[in-house]
Amino acid sequence: MKHPYDLVISETMQAALKKEPQVAIMQNLIPQMPSHGIFIPQRITINAILSSRGKWNDETYTYDNVVRIPLGEAMRVDANHLHHFTASLSLPALPCDANLLQLHTSIDVYNGHKLGDGDCSLNMPLKVCDITCQWGQMLHFWYEQVDLPNVVMQVEGSTEVMELSGQKEVFYFK
């Protein structure tokens, strides 16, 4: 098989890899590249974080006293992770005000150059929903490649499945 591409650059995504075919493009083109080929971005990672809302500061235009609790990696896509996008993350005991589930997208562009929280519109935290669960419950995440691709979540023991596209609803579980 001839390897026609030594370098591929594709920015066909939104925050949290929602509604755009970036993953499908990577799945299609990376296997066609030679082993020395470079695909940019080299890695996209989506982390789940519980956050409090904090208090708006009019002087700095930021939120003060925000509590963030990292839950872990909900998804990663790169040359070594092109399929089977699933993750199960455990909820800790929640502080009463850290119940906003967010997805944070980080992008390893190339050779140590990275885009993290707030660096561009792709890295703005996606506010998903208010969530109330019990300590130790598992959140199951997976990626659905449909007409409008999306990260999806289900709480262990629940039949309800939620597309994580930033609709900001209240999601209660017992």
N, C-alpha and C. Protein backbone atom coordinates (compact mmCIF):
# COMPACT_ATOMS: atom_id res chain seq x y z
N MET A 1 0.84 -1.19 0.00
CA MET A 1 0.00 0.00 0.00
C MET A 1 0.88 1.24 0.00
N LYS A 2 0.60 2.14 -0.89
CA LYS A 2 1.33 3.39 -0.96
C LYS A 2 0.83 4.33 0.14
N HIS A 3 1.74 5.00 0.81
CA HIS A 3 1.40 5.94 1.88
C HIS A 3 1.47 7.36 1.31
N PRO A 4 0.33 7.92 0.92
CA PRO A 4 0.36 9.21 0.23
C PRO A 4 0.56 10.43 1.13
N TYR A 5 0.43 10.27 2.43
CA TYR A 5 0.47 11.45 3.29
C TYR A 5 1.60 11.37 4.31
N ASP A 6 2.52 12.32 4.29
CA ASP A 6 3.55 12.42 5.33
C ASP A 6 3.12 13.36 6.44
N LEU A 7 2.26 14.32 6.09
CA LEU A 7 1.78 15.30 7.06
C LEU A 7 0.30 15.56 6.79
N VAL A 8 -0.51 15.47 7.85
CA VAL A 8 -1.94 15.79 7.74
C VAL A 8 -2.27 16.75 8.87
N ILE A 9 -2.94 17.85 8.52
CA ILE A 9 -3.43 18.80 9.52
C ILE A 9 -4.94 18.86 9.38
N SER A 10 -5.63 18.57 10.47
CA SER A 10 -7.09 18.60 10.44
C SER A 10 -7.61 19.24 11.72
N GLU A 11 -8.28 20.35 11.60
CA GLU A 11 -8.96 20.97 12.73
C GLU A 11 -10.43 21.02 12.35
N THR A 12 -11.08 19.90 12.59
CA THR A 12 -12.49 19.74 12.26
C THR A 12 -13.21 19.35 13.53
N MET A 13 -13.19 20.24 14.52
CA MET A 13 -13.74 19.87 15.82
C MET A 13 -14.27 21.08 16.56
N GLN A 14 -15.06 20.76 17.57
CA GLN A 14 -15.51 21.73 18.56
C GLN A 14 -15.04 21.22 19.91
N ALA A 15 -15.26 22.00 20.94
CA ALA A 15 -14.90 21.57 22.30
C ALA A 15 -15.58 20.23 22.60
N ALA A 16 -14.86 19.35 23.27
CA ALA A 16 -15.33 18.02 23.67
C ALA A 16 -15.68 17.15 22.47
N LEU A 17 -15.11 17.45 21.33
CA LEU A 17 -15.30 16.66 20.10
C LEU A 17 -16.76 16.46 19.73
N LYS A 18 -17.57 17.47 20.01
CA LYS A 18 -18.99 17.35 19.70
C LYS A 18 -19.30 17.85 18.29
N LYS A 19 -20.20 17.18 17.63
CA LYS A 19 -20.84 17.61 16.38
C LYS A 19 -19.94 17.73 15.17
N GLU A 20 -18.69 17.34 15.24
CA GLU A 20 -17.78 17.45 14.10
C GLU A 20 -17.06 16.12 13.88
N PRO A 21 -16.58 15.86 12.65
CA PRO A 21 -16.01 14.54 12.31
C PRO A 21 -14.51 14.37 12.58
N GLN A 22 -13.93 15.11 13.52
CA GLN A 22 -12.49 15.02 13.77
C GLN A 22 -12.04 13.58 14.03
N VAL A 23 -12.77 12.86 14.87
CA VAL A 23 -12.37 11.48 15.21
C VAL A 23 -12.44 10.59 13.97
N ALA A 24 -13.49 10.70 13.19
CA ALA A 24 -13.62 9.89 11.97
C ALA A 24 -12.49 10.20 10.98
N ILE A 25 -12.13 11.46 10.87
CA ILE A 25 -11.02 11.85 9.98
C ILE A 25 -9.72 11.21 10.45
N MET A 26 -9.47 11.27 11.75
CA MET A 26 -8.25 10.65 12.30
C MET A 26 -8.27 9.14 12.08
N GLN A 27 -9.41 8.50 12.30
CA GLN A 27 -9.51 7.05 12.11
C GLN A 27 -9.26 6.66 10.65
N ASN A 28 -9.64 7.51 9.74
CA ASN A 28 -9.47 7.21 8.33
C ASN A 28 -8.05 7.49 7.84
N LEU A 29 -7.49 8.64 8.20
CA LEU A 29 -6.22 9.06 7.60
C LEU A 29 -4.97 8.54 8.31
N ILE A 30 -4.99 8.44 9.63
CA ILE A 30 -3.78 8.00 10.34
C ILE A 30 -3.31 6.62 9.89
N PRO A 31 -4.20 5.62 9.72
CA PRO A 31 -3.72 4.32 9.25
C PRO A 31 -3.14 4.36 7.83
N GLN A 32 -3.46 5.37 7.05
CA GLN A 32 -2.93 5.49 5.69
C GLN A 32 -1.54 6.12 5.66
N MET A 33 -1.11 6.66 6.78
CA MET A 33 0.16 7.38 6.83
C MET A 33 1.32 6.42 7.10
N PRO A 34 2.53 6.77 6.63
CA PRO A 34 3.70 5.97 6.98
C PRO A 34 4.02 6.13 8.47
N SER A 35 4.82 5.24 9.00
CA SER A 35 5.13 5.28 10.44
C SER A 35 5.79 6.59 10.86
N HIS A 36 6.51 7.25 9.97
CA HIS A 36 7.14 8.53 10.30
C HIS A 36 6.19 9.72 10.06
N GLY A 37 4.99 9.45 9.58
CA GLY A 37 4.04 10.52 9.27
C GLY A 37 3.60 11.28 10.52
N ILE A 38 3.18 12.50 10.31
CA ILE A 38 2.76 13.37 11.41
C ILE A 38 1.32 13.79 11.18
N PHE A 39 0.48 13.54 12.17
CA PHE A 39 -0.90 14.01 12.13
C PHE A 39 -1.04 15.11 13.18
N ILE A 40 -1.54 16.25 12.75
CA ILE A 40 -1.74 17.38 13.66
C ILE A 40 -3.23 17.65 13.74
N PRO A 41 -3.78 17.63 14.95
CA PRO A 41 -3.15 17.53 16.26
C PRO A 41 -2.73 16.09 16.57
N GLN A 42 -1.71 15.95 17.40
CA GLN A 42 -1.20 14.63 17.72
C GLN A 42 -2.06 13.91 18.75
N ARG A 43 -2.72 14.64 19.63
CA ARG A 43 -3.57 14.00 20.64
C ARG A 43 -4.65 14.99 21.08
N ILE A 44 -5.84 14.45 21.32
CA ILE A 44 -6.94 15.22 21.88
C ILE A 44 -7.43 14.45 23.10
N THR A 45 -7.50 15.13 24.23
CA THR A 45 -7.93 14.49 25.48
C THR A 45 -9.10 15.28 26.05
N ILE A 46 -10.10 14.53 26.53
CA ILE A 46 -11.24 15.15 27.19
C ILE A 46 -11.26 14.66 28.63
N ASN A 47 -11.17 15.59 29.56
CA ASN A 47 -11.19 15.28 30.99
C ASN A 47 -12.50 15.71 31.60
N ALA A 48 -13.03 14.87 32.49
CA ALA A 48 -14.25 15.20 33.23
C ALA A 48 -13.85 15.85 34.55
N ILE A 49 -14.50 16.95 34.87
CA ILE A 49 -14.18 17.70 36.09
C ILE A 49 -15.48 18.14 36.74
N LEU A 50 -15.53 18.02 38.06
CA LEU A 50 -16.63 18.61 38.83
C LEU A 50 -16.16 19.97 39.31
N SER A 51 -17.03 20.95 39.21
CA SER A 51 -16.64 22.31 39.54
C SER A 51 -17.74 23.01 40.31
N SER A 52 -17.32 23.94 41.16
CA SER A 52 -18.29 24.84 41.78
C SER A 52 -18.41 26.05 40.87
N ARG A 53 -19.37 26.87 41.12
CA ARG A 53 -19.58 28.04 40.27
C ARG A 53 -18.69 29.22 40.65
N GLY A 54 -18.30 29.33 41.89
CA GLY A 54 -17.48 30.46 42.31
C GLY A 54 -18.27 31.75 42.33
N LYS A 55 -17.57 32.84 42.54
CA LYS A 55 -18.20 34.16 42.62
C LYS A 55 -17.54 35.06 41.58
N TRP A 56 -18.36 35.73 40.77
CA TRP A 56 -17.86 36.60 39.71
C TRP A 56 -17.13 37.80 40.30
N ASN A 57 -15.95 38.09 39.75
CA ASN A 57 -15.15 39.22 40.18
C ASN A 57 -15.17 40.26 39.05
N ASP A 58 -15.82 41.40 39.29
CA ASP A 58 -15.94 42.44 38.26
C ASP A 58 -14.61 43.08 37.89
N GLU A 59 -13.64 43.04 38.77
CA GLU A 59 -12.34 43.66 38.49
C GLU A 59 -11.48 42.80 37.59
N THR A 60 -11.49 41.49 37.80
CA THR A 60 -10.63 40.60 37.02
C THR A 60 -11.37 39.87 35.90
N TYR A 61 -12.69 39.98 35.87
CA TYR A 61 -13.52 39.28 34.89
C TYR A 61 -13.29 37.77 34.93
N THR A 62 -13.15 37.27 36.14
CA THR A 62 -13.00 35.83 36.36
C THR A 62 -13.85 35.43 37.55
N TYR A 63 -13.98 34.13 37.74
CA TYR A 63 -14.67 33.61 38.91
C TYR A 63 -13.64 33.32 40.00
N ASP A 64 -13.91 33.78 41.21
CA ASP A 64 -13.04 33.52 42.35
C ASP A 64 -13.57 32.33 43.14
N ASN A 65 -12.67 31.70 43.88
CA ASN A 65 -13.01 30.61 44.80
C ASN A 65 -13.71 29.44 44.13
N VAL A 66 -13.26 29.09 42.95
CA VAL A 66 -13.83 27.95 42.23
C VAL A 66 -13.14 26.69 42.72
N VAL A 67 -13.94 25.70 43.10
CA VAL A 67 -13.41 24.39 43.50
C VAL A 67 -13.51 23.47 42.29
N ARG A 68 -12.40 22.83 41.94
CA ARG A 68 -12.40 21.87 40.82
C ARG A 68 -11.92 20.52 41.32
N ILE A 69 -12.68 19.49 40.98
CA ILE A 69 -12.33 18.13 41.35
C ILE A 69 -12.16 17.32 40.06
N PRO A 70 -10.92 17.02 39.66
CA PRO A 70 -10.71 16.21 38.46
C PRO A 70 -11.22 14.78 38.68
N LEU A 71 -12.05 14.31 37.76
CA LEU A 71 -12.53 12.93 37.83
C LEU A 71 -11.64 11.99 37.02
N GLY A 72 -11.05 12.51 35.95
CA GLY A 72 -10.17 11.69 35.13
C GLY A 72 -10.44 11.87 33.64
N GLU A 73 -9.77 11.05 32.87
CA GLU A 73 -9.83 11.13 31.41
C GLU A 73 -11.08 10.39 30.91
N ALA A 74 -11.97 11.13 30.25
CA ALA A 74 -13.18 10.53 29.69
C ALA A 74 -12.92 9.98 28.29
N MET A 75 -11.93 10.56 27.59
CA MET A 75 -11.65 10.12 26.22
C MET A 75 -10.30 10.64 25.78
N ARG A 76 -9.63 9.84 24.96
CA ARG A 76 -8.37 10.25 24.32
C ARG A 76 -8.37 9.70 22.90
N VAL A 77 -7.96 10.54 21.98
CA VAL A 77 -7.79 10.07 20.61
C VAL A 77 -6.42 10.54 20.12
N ASP A 78 -5.66 9.57 19.60
CA ASP A 78 -4.35 9.83 19.00
C ASP A 78 -4.02 8.62 18.14
N ALA A 79 -2.81 8.58 17.60
CA ALA A 79 -2.44 7.49 16.70
C ALA A 79 -2.53 6.12 17.36
N ASN A 80 -2.37 6.05 18.67
CA ASN A 80 -2.44 4.77 19.39
C ASN A 80 -3.81 4.49 19.99
N HIS A 81 -4.71 5.44 19.92
CA HIS A 81 -6.05 5.29 20.49
C HIS A 81 -7.07 5.79 19.46
N LEU A 82 -7.37 4.95 18.48
CA LEU A 82 -8.29 5.35 17.42
C LEU A 82 -9.65 4.68 17.54
N HIS A 83 -9.82 3.79 18.48
CA HIS A 83 -11.08 3.06 18.63
C HIS A 83 -11.34 2.80 20.11
N HIS A 84 -12.53 2.33 20.40
CA HIS A 84 -12.92 1.92 21.77
C HIS A 84 -12.79 3.07 22.76
N PHE A 85 -13.56 4.10 22.54
CA PHE A 85 -13.52 5.28 23.39
C PHE A 85 -14.50 5.11 24.54
N THR A 86 -14.05 4.45 25.59
CA THR A 86 -14.88 4.27 26.78
C THR A 86 -14.04 4.55 28.01
N ALA A 87 -14.70 5.03 29.05
CA ALA A 87 -14.02 5.26 30.33
C ALA A 87 -15.06 5.18 31.43
N SER A 88 -14.64 4.69 32.58
CA SER A 88 -15.48 4.67 33.78
C SER A 88 -14.74 5.42 34.87
N LEU A 89 -15.38 6.45 35.38
CA LEU A 89 -14.76 7.32 36.38
C LEU A 89 -15.61 7.33 37.63
N SER A 90 -14.96 7.24 38.78
CA SER A 90 -15.66 7.18 40.06
C SER A 90 -15.86 8.57 40.64
N LEU A 91 -17.06 8.80 41.18
CA LEU A 91 -17.33 10.07 41.85
C LEU A 91 -16.80 10.03 43.27
N PRO A 92 -16.11 11.07 43.69
CA PRO A 92 -15.70 11.18 45.10
C PRO A 92 -16.88 11.70 45.92
N ALA A 93 -16.69 11.81 47.21
CA ALA A 93 -17.69 12.49 48.03
C ALA A 93 -17.70 13.94 47.56
N LEU A 94 -18.87 14.44 47.24
CA LEU A 94 -18.95 15.76 46.63
C LEU A 94 -19.06 16.87 47.66
N PRO A 95 -18.22 17.89 47.57
CA PRO A 95 -18.50 19.08 48.35
C PRO A 95 -19.83 19.64 47.86
N CYS A 96 -20.57 20.27 48.72
CA CYS A 96 -21.93 20.69 48.37
C CYS A 96 -21.98 21.62 47.16
N ASP A 97 -20.91 22.35 46.89
CA ASP A 97 -20.98 23.31 45.79
C ASP A 97 -20.23 22.88 44.53
N ALA A 98 -19.60 21.72 44.53
CA ALA A 98 -18.89 21.25 43.33
C ALA A 98 -19.73 20.17 42.65
N ASN A 99 -20.80 20.59 42.01
CA ASN A 99 -21.69 19.62 41.38
C ASN A 99 -21.95 19.93 39.90
N LEU A 100 -21.15 20.81 39.33
CA LEU A 100 -21.29 21.13 37.91
C LEU A 100 -20.31 20.25 37.13
N LEU A 101 -20.84 19.35 36.31
CA LEU A 101 -20.00 18.48 35.49
C LEU A 101 -19.56 19.25 34.25
N GLN A 102 -18.24 19.28 34.04
CA GLN A 102 -17.66 19.95 32.88
C GLN A 102 -16.76 18.99 32.13
N LEU A 103 -16.66 19.19 30.83
CA LEU A 103 -15.68 18.49 30.01
C LEU A 103 -14.64 19.50 29.56
N HIS A 104 -13.37 19.18 29.81
CA HIS A 104 -12.25 20.06 29.45
C HIS A 104 -11.45 19.37 28.34
N THR A 105 -11.27 20.06 27.24
CA THR A 105 -10.55 19.51 26.09
C THR A 105 -9.13 20.06 26.08
N SER A 106 -8.16 19.16 26.02
CA SER A 106 -6.77 19.59 25.84
C SER A 106 -6.26 19.00 24.54
N ILE A 107 -5.45 19.78 23.84
CA ILE A 107 -4.98 19.39 22.52
C ILE A 107 -3.46 19.46 22.49
N ASP A 108 -2.83 18.32 22.22
CA ASP A 108 -1.40 18.29 21.97
C ASP A 108 -1.24 18.52 20.46
N VAL A 109 -0.85 19.72 20.10
CA VAL A 109 -0.81 20.09 18.69
C VAL A 109 0.35 19.38 18.00
N TYR A 110 1.58 19.70 18.42
CA TYR A 110 2.76 19.09 17.81
C TYR A 110 3.99 19.44 18.62
N ASN A 111 4.82 18.43 18.87
CA ASN A 111 6.16 18.63 19.42
C ASN A 111 6.17 19.50 20.68
N GLY A 112 5.27 19.21 21.61
CA GLY A 112 5.24 19.93 22.87
C GLY A 112 4.35 21.16 22.89
N HIS A 113 3.84 21.57 21.75
CA HIS A 113 2.93 22.71 21.70
C HIS A 113 1.53 22.22 22.05
N LYS A 114 0.94 22.84 23.07
CA LYS A 114 -0.35 22.37 23.59
C LYS A 114 -1.33 23.53 23.70
N LEU A 115 -2.60 23.17 23.63
CA LEU A 115 -3.69 24.10 23.91
C LEU A 115 -4.45 23.55 25.09
N GLY A 116 -4.59 24.37 26.13
CA GLY A 116 -5.29 23.95 27.34
C GLY A 116 -6.43 24.90 27.66
N ASP A 117 -6.96 24.77 28.85
CA ASP A 117 -8.13 25.55 29.27
C ASP A 117 -8.01 27.02 28.89
N GLY A 118 -8.98 27.50 28.13
CA GLY A 118 -9.08 28.91 27.80
C GLY A 118 -8.15 29.42 26.71
N ASP A 119 -7.31 28.56 26.13
CA ASP A 119 -6.39 29.03 25.10
C ASP A 119 -7.10 29.41 23.80
N CYS A 120 -8.21 28.76 23.51
CA CYS A 120 -9.01 29.09 22.33
C CYS A 120 -10.41 28.53 22.55
N SER A 121 -11.29 28.72 21.59
CA SER A 121 -12.68 28.26 21.77
C SER A 121 -12.77 26.74 21.91
N LEU A 122 -11.82 26.00 21.38
CA LEU A 122 -11.83 24.54 21.51
C LEU A 122 -11.54 24.10 22.93
N ASN A 123 -10.94 24.97 23.72
CA ASN A 123 -10.52 24.62 25.08
C ASN A 123 -11.35 25.28 26.16
N MET A 124 -12.45 25.89 25.79
CA MET A 124 -13.33 26.44 26.81
C MET A 124 -14.05 25.27 27.47
N PRO A 125 -14.10 25.23 28.80
CA PRO A 125 -14.79 24.13 29.47
C PRO A 125 -16.24 24.05 29.00
N LEU A 126 -16.68 22.85 28.68
CA LEU A 126 -18.06 22.62 28.28
C LEU A 126 -18.86 22.31 29.53
N LYS A 127 -19.74 23.21 29.90
CA LYS A 127 -20.59 23.01 31.07
C LYS A 127 -21.71 22.07 30.67
N VAL A 128 -21.71 20.88 31.27
CA VAL A 128 -22.64 19.84 30.84
C VAL A 128 -23.94 19.89 31.63
N CYS A 129 -23.84 19.75 32.95
CA CYS A 129 -25.06 19.68 33.76
C CYS A 129 -24.71 19.76 35.23
N ASP A 130 -25.72 20.04 36.03
CA ASP A 130 -25.61 19.86 37.48
C ASP A 130 -25.83 18.38 37.73
N ILE A 131 -25.03 17.82 38.60
CA ILE A 131 -25.13 16.38 38.82
C ILE A 131 -25.13 16.10 40.32
N THR A 132 -26.03 15.27 40.74
CA THR A 132 -26.06 14.83 42.13
C THR A 132 -26.08 13.32 42.13
N CYS A 133 -25.05 12.74 42.64
CA CYS A 133 -24.93 11.29 42.72
C CYS A 133 -24.42 10.94 44.10
N GLN A 134 -24.34 9.67 44.35
CA GLN A 134 -23.82 9.22 45.63
C GLN A 134 -22.33 8.93 45.49
N TRP A 135 -21.62 9.06 46.62
CA TRP A 135 -20.19 8.79 46.64
C TRP A 135 -19.91 7.41 46.08
N GLY A 136 -18.89 7.32 45.27
CA GLY A 136 -18.45 6.05 44.71
C GLY A 136 -19.20 5.60 43.48
N GLN A 137 -20.28 6.27 43.11
CA GLN A 137 -20.97 5.88 41.88
C GLN A 137 -20.03 6.08 40.70
N MET A 138 -20.20 5.23 39.70
CA MET A 138 -19.37 5.31 38.51
C MET A 138 -20.11 6.07 37.41
N LEU A 139 -19.38 6.93 36.74
CA LEU A 139 -19.87 7.58 35.54
C LEU A 139 -19.22 6.87 34.36
N HIS A 140 -20.03 6.36 33.45
CA HIS A 140 -19.53 5.66 32.26
C HIS A 140 -19.63 6.60 31.06
N PHE A 141 -18.52 6.81 30.40
CA PHE A 141 -18.46 7.69 29.24
C PHE A 141 -18.13 6.86 28.00
N TRP A 142 -18.69 7.25 26.87
CA TRP A 142 -18.29 6.66 25.60
C TRP A 142 -18.56 7.68 24.49
N TYR A 143 -18.00 7.41 23.33
CA TYR A 143 -18.11 8.32 22.19
C TYR A 143 -19.01 7.67 21.15
N GLU A 144 -20.03 8.38 20.73
CA GLU A 144 -20.94 7.88 19.70
C GLU A 144 -20.64 8.59 18.39
N GLN A 145 -20.35 7.78 17.38
CA GLN A 145 -20.09 8.33 16.06
C GLN A 145 -21.36 8.19 15.23
N VAL A 146 -22.18 9.20 15.31
CA VAL A 146 -23.43 9.28 14.58
C VAL A 146 -23.37 10.53 13.71
N ASP A 147 -24.51 10.95 13.14
CA ASP A 147 -24.49 12.15 12.29
C ASP A 147 -23.84 13.34 12.98
N LEU A 148 -24.18 13.55 14.25
CA LEU A 148 -23.55 14.58 15.07
C LEU A 148 -22.84 13.89 16.22
N PRO A 149 -21.56 13.54 16.05
CA PRO A 149 -20.84 12.77 17.07
C PRO A 149 -20.84 13.49 18.42
N ASN A 150 -20.68 12.68 19.49
CA ASN A 150 -20.81 13.26 20.82
C ASN A 150 -20.29 12.30 21.88
N VAL A 151 -19.79 12.86 22.98
CA VAL A 151 -19.49 12.07 24.17
C VAL A 151 -20.81 11.85 24.89
N VAL A 152 -21.01 10.64 25.39
CA VAL A 152 -22.24 10.25 26.07
C VAL A 152 -21.88 9.74 27.45
N MET A 153 -22.80 9.91 28.41
CA MET A 153 -22.54 9.47 29.79
C MET A 153 -23.75 8.74 30.34
N GLN A 154 -23.46 7.75 31.19
CA GLN A 154 -24.50 7.06 31.94
C GLN A 154 -23.96 6.79 33.34
N VAL A 155 -24.80 7.03 34.34
CA VAL A 155 -24.41 6.73 35.71
C VAL A 155 -24.73 5.27 35.98
N GLU A 156 -23.78 4.57 36.59
CA GLU A 156 -23.96 3.16 36.91
C GLU A 156 -25.27 2.95 37.66
N GLY A 157 -26.04 1.98 37.21
CA GLY A 157 -27.31 1.66 37.85
C GLY A 157 -28.49 2.42 37.29
N SER A 158 -28.24 3.35 36.39
CA SER A 158 -29.32 4.15 35.80
C SER A 158 -29.56 3.68 34.37
N THR A 159 -30.78 3.85 33.90
CA THR A 159 -31.09 3.55 32.51
C THR A 159 -31.02 4.80 31.64
N GLU A 160 -30.88 5.95 32.27
CA GLU A 160 -30.84 7.22 31.54
C GLU A 160 -29.45 7.45 30.95
N VAL A 161 -29.43 7.81 29.68
CA VAL A 161 -28.19 8.11 28.96
C VAL A 161 -28.25 9.58 28.56
N MET A 162 -27.13 10.27 28.74
CA MET A 162 -27.11 11.71 28.47
C MET A 162 -26.02 12.05 27.47
N GLU A 163 -26.42 12.72 26.38
CA GLU A 163 -25.44 13.26 25.44
C GLU A 163 -24.82 14.49 26.08
N LEU A 164 -23.51 14.57 26.05
CA LEU A 164 -22.82 15.66 26.75
C LEU A 164 -22.46 16.78 25.78
N SER A 165 -23.47 17.46 25.32
CA SER A 165 -23.24 18.52 24.34
C SER A 165 -23.37 19.91 24.94
N GLY A 166 -23.46 19.98 26.25
CA GLY A 166 -23.51 21.28 26.89
C GLY A 166 -24.90 21.81 27.11
N GLN A 167 -25.88 20.91 27.28
CA GLN A 167 -27.24 21.40 27.45
C GLN A 167 -27.53 21.92 28.84
N LYS A 168 -26.67 21.65 29.80
CA LYS A 168 -26.76 22.22 31.14
C LYS A 168 -28.10 21.95 31.82
N GLU A 169 -28.43 20.71 31.98
CA GLU A 169 -29.62 20.30 32.70
C GLU A 169 -29.21 19.80 34.07
N VAL A 170 -30.20 19.56 34.90
CA VAL A 170 -29.94 18.92 36.19
C VAL A 170 -30.09 17.43 35.97
N PHE A 171 -29.14 16.65 36.45
CA PHE A 171 -29.13 15.22 36.24
C PHE A 171 -29.05 14.56 37.61
N TYR A 172 -30.14 14.00 38.09
CA TYR A 172 -30.20 13.41 39.43
C TYR A 172 -30.15 11.89 39.35
N PHE A 173 -29.43 11.29 40.28
CA PHE A 173 -29.37 9.84 40.38
C PHE A 173 -29.43 9.45 41.84
N LYS A 174 -29.91 8.26 42.10
CA LYS A 174 -29.94 7.74 43.46
C LYS A 174 -29.12 6.49 43.54
